[in-house]
Amino acid sequence: MDLQDQLKNLFPEHVEADASEEKISKEKSIWLQDDPIICKYEKRKGKPITILEGYTGAIEDFKKLAKELKQKLSVGGSFKDDKIIIQGDYRDKIMQILKDKGFNVKRVGG
């Protein structure tokens, strides 16, 4: 008897939620804009960073996007002054992720 069966025995009236529907609703909650998000590369203190700026939606949506990008790329970063700062040069990967989500992205520099 695995864990799922044990839980069903303990809580027979519980109805399992479909995880894919919740995931879709979370993804669509981020506001898409017409103007492109600017993706640029800089070096600070000799280390490469990728900066995303130009999002005109809610700050909370931009923070969610920053968290998701950091998790997908498995890198560190931060959200400051309406900019997402990702450690490392991940412009190509970030631009592909954002395009898959439906954003218009413009590459600046290099």
N, C-alpha and C. Protein backbone atom coordinates (compact mmCIF):
# COMPACT_ATOMS: atom_id res chain seq x y z
N MET A 1 0.86 -1.18 0.00
CA MET A 1 0.00 0.00 0.00
C MET A 1 0.90 1.23 0.00
N ASP A 2 0.75 2.05 -1.01
CA ASP A 2 1.60 3.24 -1.11
C ASP A 2 0.95 4.41 -0.37
N LEU A 3 1.62 5.52 -0.38
CA LEU A 3 1.18 6.70 0.36
C LEU A 3 -0.16 7.24 -0.15
N GLN A 4 -0.37 7.23 -1.46
CA GLN A 4 -1.63 7.72 -2.02
C GLN A 4 -2.82 6.91 -1.51
N ASP A 5 -2.67 5.59 -1.45
CA ASP A 5 -3.75 4.73 -0.96
C ASP A 5 -4.03 4.99 0.51
N GLN A 6 -2.98 5.20 1.29
CA GLN A 6 -3.14 5.49 2.72
C GLN A 6 -3.88 6.81 2.92
N LEU A 7 -3.55 7.81 2.13
CA LEU A 7 -4.22 9.09 2.24
C LEU A 7 -5.69 8.99 1.83
N LYS A 8 -5.98 8.18 0.80
CA LYS A 8 -7.37 7.98 0.39
C LYS A 8 -8.18 7.30 1.48
N ASN A 9 -7.54 6.37 2.22
CA ASN A 9 -8.23 5.72 3.33
C ASN A 9 -8.49 6.68 4.47
N LEU A 10 -7.56 7.57 4.74
CA LEU A 10 -7.73 8.54 5.82
C LEU A 10 -8.74 9.62 5.48
N PHE A 11 -8.75 10.07 4.22
CA PHE A 11 -9.63 11.15 3.78
C PHE A 11 -10.43 10.71 2.56
N PRO A 12 -11.47 9.89 2.75
CA PRO A 12 -12.20 9.37 1.59
C PRO A 12 -13.01 10.43 0.85
N GLU A 13 -13.41 11.52 1.52
CA GLU A 13 -14.24 12.53 0.87
C GLU A 13 -13.42 13.57 0.11
N HIS A 14 -12.11 13.50 0.23
CA HIS A 14 -11.23 14.47 -0.43
C HIS A 14 -11.21 14.24 -1.94
N VAL A 15 -11.39 15.34 -2.70
CA VAL A 15 -11.33 15.27 -4.16
C VAL A 15 -10.01 15.88 -4.59
N GLU A 16 -9.26 15.15 -5.40
CA GLU A 16 -7.96 15.63 -5.85
C GLU A 16 -8.13 16.75 -6.86
N ALA A 17 -7.37 17.83 -6.67
CA ALA A 17 -7.40 18.96 -7.61
C ALA A 17 -6.47 18.64 -8.77
N ASP A 18 -6.87 19.09 -9.94
CA ASP A 18 -6.05 18.87 -11.13
C ASP A 18 -4.94 19.92 -11.14
N ALA A 19 -3.70 19.47 -11.00
CA ALA A 19 -2.56 20.38 -10.89
C ALA A 19 -2.32 21.15 -12.18
N SER A 20 -2.64 20.56 -13.32
CA SER A 20 -2.38 21.25 -14.58
C SER A 20 -3.26 22.49 -14.74
N GLU A 21 -4.50 22.45 -14.26
CA GLU A 21 -5.38 23.61 -14.34
C GLU A 21 -4.87 24.76 -13.48
N GLU A 22 -4.36 24.42 -12.29
CA GLU A 22 -3.81 25.47 -11.42
C GLU A 22 -2.58 26.09 -12.04
N LYS A 23 -1.76 25.29 -12.69
CA LYS A 23 -0.54 25.80 -13.31
C LYS A 23 -0.90 26.75 -14.46
N ILE A 24 -1.88 26.39 -15.25
CA ILE A 24 -2.28 27.24 -16.37
C ILE A 24 -2.84 28.56 -15.86
N SER A 25 -3.64 28.51 -14.80
CA SER A 25 -4.23 29.75 -14.29
C SER A 25 -3.15 30.66 -13.71
N LYS A 26 -2.11 30.09 -13.11
CA LYS A 26 -1.03 30.92 -12.56
C LYS A 26 -0.24 31.58 -13.69
N GLU A 27 0.00 30.83 -14.79
CA GLU A 27 0.76 31.39 -15.90
C GLU A 27 0.01 32.52 -16.57
N LYS A 28 -1.29 32.41 -16.69
CA LYS A 28 -2.06 33.44 -17.38
C LYS A 28 -2.30 34.65 -16.50
N SER A 29 -1.96 34.58 -15.23
CA SER A 29 -2.19 35.70 -14.35
C SER A 29 -1.17 36.83 -14.58
N ILE A 30 -0.06 36.55 -15.25
CA ILE A 30 0.94 37.58 -15.53
C ILE A 30 0.48 38.39 -16.74
N TRP A 31 0.49 39.70 -16.58
CA TRP A 31 0.01 40.60 -17.63
C TRP A 31 1.04 40.70 -18.74
N LEU A 32 0.61 40.49 -20.00
CA LEU A 32 1.49 40.60 -21.15
C LEU A 32 1.35 42.00 -21.73
N GLN A 33 2.44 42.56 -22.18
CA GLN A 33 2.44 43.93 -22.68
C GLN A 33 2.84 43.96 -24.15
N ASP A 34 2.54 45.08 -24.80
CA ASP A 34 2.88 45.24 -26.21
C ASP A 34 4.33 45.68 -26.39
N ASP A 35 4.81 46.56 -25.51
CA ASP A 35 6.19 47.04 -25.60
C ASP A 35 7.15 45.92 -25.23
N PRO A 36 8.32 45.88 -25.88
CA PRO A 36 9.26 44.79 -25.57
C PRO A 36 9.93 44.97 -24.21
N ILE A 37 10.23 43.84 -23.58
CA ILE A 37 11.06 43.83 -22.38
C ILE A 37 12.50 43.87 -22.87
N ILE A 38 13.31 44.74 -22.30
CA ILE A 38 14.69 44.90 -22.72
C ILE A 38 15.58 43.95 -21.92
N CYS A 39 16.35 43.15 -22.65
CA CYS A 39 17.25 42.16 -22.05
C CYS A 39 18.67 42.59 -22.39
N LYS A 40 19.43 43.00 -21.38
CA LYS A 40 20.79 43.46 -21.67
C LYS A 40 21.81 42.80 -20.75
N TYR A 41 23.05 42.89 -21.17
CA TYR A 41 24.17 42.24 -20.51
C TYR A 41 25.12 43.31 -19.98
N GLU A 42 25.58 43.13 -18.75
CA GLU A 42 26.57 44.04 -18.16
C GLU A 42 27.56 43.22 -17.35
N LYS A 43 28.63 43.88 -17.00
CA LYS A 43 29.59 43.30 -16.05
C LYS A 43 29.68 44.24 -14.87
N ARG A 44 29.49 43.68 -13.70
CA ARG A 44 29.64 44.45 -12.47
C ARG A 44 30.66 43.75 -11.59
N LYS A 45 31.67 44.51 -11.22
CA LYS A 45 32.78 43.98 -10.42
C LYS A 45 33.40 42.75 -11.09
N GLY A 46 33.47 42.79 -12.43
CA GLY A 46 34.10 41.73 -13.20
C GLY A 46 33.23 40.51 -13.43
N LYS A 47 31.99 40.52 -12.92
CA LYS A 47 31.12 39.35 -13.07
C LYS A 47 29.96 39.69 -14.02
N PRO A 48 29.61 38.74 -14.90
CA PRO A 48 28.53 39.01 -15.86
C PRO A 48 27.15 38.94 -15.21
N ILE A 49 26.26 39.82 -15.62
CA ILE A 49 24.87 39.79 -15.17
C ILE A 49 23.96 40.08 -16.36
N THR A 50 22.74 39.60 -16.28
CA THR A 50 21.72 39.87 -17.28
C THR A 50 20.64 40.70 -16.61
N ILE A 51 20.24 41.79 -17.26
CA ILE A 51 19.25 42.71 -16.69
C ILE A 51 18.02 42.74 -17.59
N LEU A 52 16.85 42.59 -16.98
CA LEU A 52 15.57 42.71 -17.68
C LEU A 52 14.86 43.94 -17.14
N GLU A 53 14.43 44.81 -18.05
CA GLU A 53 13.72 46.02 -17.64
C GLU A 53 12.71 46.40 -18.70
N GLY A 54 11.81 47.30 -18.34
CA GLY A 54 10.82 47.79 -19.29
C GLY A 54 9.46 47.15 -19.15
N TYR A 55 9.19 46.44 -18.05
CA TYR A 55 7.88 45.84 -17.83
C TYR A 55 6.95 46.89 -17.27
N THR A 56 5.77 47.04 -17.87
CA THR A 56 4.85 48.11 -17.46
C THR A 56 3.68 47.59 -16.64
N GLY A 57 3.65 46.31 -16.32
CA GLY A 57 2.56 45.74 -15.53
C GLY A 57 2.77 45.94 -14.04
N ALA A 58 2.07 45.15 -13.27
CA ALA A 58 2.16 45.24 -11.81
C ALA A 58 3.51 44.73 -11.33
N ILE A 59 3.99 45.32 -10.27
CA ILE A 59 5.30 44.95 -9.70
C ILE A 59 5.27 43.51 -9.20
N GLU A 60 4.13 43.08 -8.63
CA GLU A 60 4.02 41.71 -8.12
C GLU A 60 4.16 40.69 -9.26
N ASP A 61 3.61 41.00 -10.43
CA ASP A 61 3.76 40.10 -11.58
C ASP A 61 5.22 40.00 -12.01
N PHE A 62 5.91 41.13 -11.99
CA PHE A 62 7.33 41.14 -12.38
C PHE A 62 8.16 40.35 -11.37
N LYS A 63 7.80 40.43 -10.10
CA LYS A 63 8.50 39.66 -9.07
C LYS A 63 8.27 38.16 -9.26
N LYS A 64 7.04 37.78 -9.62
CA LYS A 64 6.74 36.37 -9.89
C LYS A 64 7.57 35.88 -11.08
N LEU A 65 7.67 36.73 -12.10
CA LEU A 65 8.45 36.38 -13.28
C LEU A 65 9.93 36.21 -12.92
N ALA A 66 10.44 37.09 -12.06
CA ALA A 66 11.84 36.99 -11.63
C ALA A 66 12.08 35.68 -10.89
N LYS A 67 11.18 35.34 -10.01
CA LYS A 67 11.32 34.10 -9.25
C LYS A 67 11.30 32.88 -10.16
N GLU A 68 10.39 32.90 -11.13
CA GLU A 68 10.28 31.77 -12.05
C GLU A 68 11.54 31.64 -12.91
N LEU A 69 12.06 32.76 -13.39
CA LEU A 69 13.28 32.70 -14.21
C LEU A 69 14.45 32.16 -13.40
N LYS A 70 14.59 32.63 -12.17
CA LYS A 70 15.70 32.16 -11.33
C LYS A 70 15.59 30.66 -11.06
N GLN A 71 14.36 30.17 -10.86
CA GLN A 71 14.18 28.75 -10.61
C GLN A 71 14.45 27.92 -11.85
N LYS A 72 13.98 28.37 -13.01
CA LYS A 72 14.19 27.61 -14.24
C LYS A 72 15.65 27.55 -14.63
N LEU A 73 16.38 28.63 -14.41
CA LEU A 73 17.79 28.68 -14.78
C LEU A 73 18.71 28.17 -13.67
N SER A 74 18.17 27.99 -12.47
CA SER A 74 18.95 27.55 -11.30
C SER A 74 20.11 28.50 -11.02
N VAL A 75 19.80 29.78 -11.00
CA VAL A 75 20.82 30.79 -10.73
C VAL A 75 20.28 31.77 -9.69
N GLY A 76 21.16 32.61 -9.19
CA GLY A 76 20.77 33.65 -8.25
C GLY A 76 20.39 34.91 -8.99
N GLY A 77 19.82 35.82 -8.26
CA GLY A 77 19.44 37.08 -8.85
C GLY A 77 18.62 37.89 -7.86
N SER A 78 18.13 39.03 -8.33
CA SER A 78 17.34 39.88 -7.44
C SER A 78 16.39 40.74 -8.27
N PHE A 79 15.50 41.42 -7.55
CA PHE A 79 14.57 42.35 -8.15
C PHE A 79 14.77 43.69 -7.46
N LYS A 80 15.31 44.68 -8.20
CA LYS A 80 15.56 46.00 -7.63
C LYS A 80 15.19 47.07 -8.64
N ASP A 81 14.62 48.16 -8.16
CA ASP A 81 14.34 49.33 -9.00
C ASP A 81 13.62 48.97 -10.29
N ASP A 82 12.61 48.12 -10.21
CA ASP A 82 11.83 47.68 -11.37
C ASP A 82 12.69 47.00 -12.43
N LYS A 83 13.72 46.29 -12.00
CA LYS A 83 14.59 45.53 -12.89
C LYS A 83 14.82 44.15 -12.30
N ILE A 84 14.89 43.15 -13.17
CA ILE A 84 15.28 41.81 -12.75
C ILE A 84 16.76 41.66 -13.07
N ILE A 85 17.54 41.28 -12.08
CA ILE A 85 18.97 41.09 -12.25
C ILE A 85 19.28 39.61 -12.04
N ILE A 86 19.79 38.96 -13.08
CA ILE A 86 20.12 37.53 -13.04
C ILE A 86 21.64 37.39 -13.10
N GLN A 87 22.20 36.57 -12.23
CA GLN A 87 23.64 36.37 -12.21
C GLN A 87 24.05 35.48 -13.38
N GLY A 88 24.95 35.99 -14.22
CA GLY A 88 25.44 35.24 -15.37
C GLY A 88 24.87 35.76 -16.67
N ASP A 89 25.44 35.32 -17.77
CA ASP A 89 24.99 35.72 -19.10
C ASP A 89 24.03 34.67 -19.64
N TYR A 90 22.74 34.86 -19.40
CA TYR A 90 21.70 33.93 -19.82
C TYR A 90 20.71 34.60 -20.77
N ARG A 91 21.18 35.55 -21.57
CA ARG A 91 20.28 36.30 -22.44
C ARG A 91 19.49 35.40 -23.38
N ASP A 92 20.15 34.47 -24.03
CA ASP A 92 19.47 33.62 -25.01
C ASP A 92 18.40 32.75 -24.35
N LYS A 93 18.74 32.15 -23.22
CA LYS A 93 17.78 31.29 -22.53
C LYS A 93 16.61 32.09 -21.98
N ILE A 94 16.89 33.26 -21.41
CA ILE A 94 15.83 34.10 -20.85
C ILE A 94 14.91 34.59 -21.97
N MET A 95 15.50 35.00 -23.08
CA MET A 95 14.68 35.48 -24.19
C MET A 95 13.78 34.37 -24.72
N GLN A 96 14.28 33.14 -24.78
CA GLN A 96 13.47 32.02 -25.25
C GLN A 96 12.33 31.72 -24.27
N ILE A 97 12.61 31.74 -22.98
CA ILE A 97 11.57 31.50 -21.97
C ILE A 97 10.48 32.56 -22.07
N LEU A 98 10.89 33.82 -22.18
CA LEU A 98 9.91 34.90 -22.26
C LEU A 98 9.09 34.85 -23.55
N LYS A 99 9.72 34.48 -24.65
CA LYS A 99 8.99 34.36 -25.91
C LYS A 99 7.97 33.22 -25.84
N ASP A 100 8.33 32.13 -25.18
CA ASP A 100 7.40 31.02 -25.01
C ASP A 100 6.19 31.43 -24.17
N LYS A 101 6.40 32.37 -23.24
CA LYS A 101 5.30 32.86 -22.41
C LYS A 101 4.44 33.89 -23.15
N GLY A 102 4.94 34.41 -24.28
CA GLY A 102 4.17 35.35 -25.06
C GLY A 102 4.66 36.78 -24.98
N PHE A 103 5.78 37.02 -24.33
CA PHE A 103 6.33 38.37 -24.22
C PHE A 103 7.09 38.73 -25.49
N ASN A 104 7.16 40.02 -25.76
CA ASN A 104 7.99 40.55 -26.83
C ASN A 104 9.29 41.00 -26.17
N VAL A 105 10.44 40.47 -26.62
CA VAL A 105 11.72 40.73 -25.96
C VAL A 105 12.69 41.34 -26.96
N LYS A 106 13.43 42.35 -26.50
CA LYS A 106 14.43 43.01 -27.35
C LYS A 106 15.79 42.85 -26.69
N ARG A 107 16.77 42.39 -27.48
CA ARG A 107 18.13 42.19 -26.98
C ARG A 107 18.91 43.47 -27.19
N VAL A 108 19.60 43.91 -26.13
CA VAL A 108 20.38 45.14 -26.19
C VAL A 108 21.82 44.81 -25.82
N GLY A 109 22.76 45.26 -26.63
CA GLY A 109 24.19 45.07 -26.34
C GLY A 109 24.68 43.69 -26.69
N GLY A 110 25.88 43.65 -27.28
CA GLY A 110 26.56 42.41 -27.60
C GLY A 110 25.78 41.51 -28.44
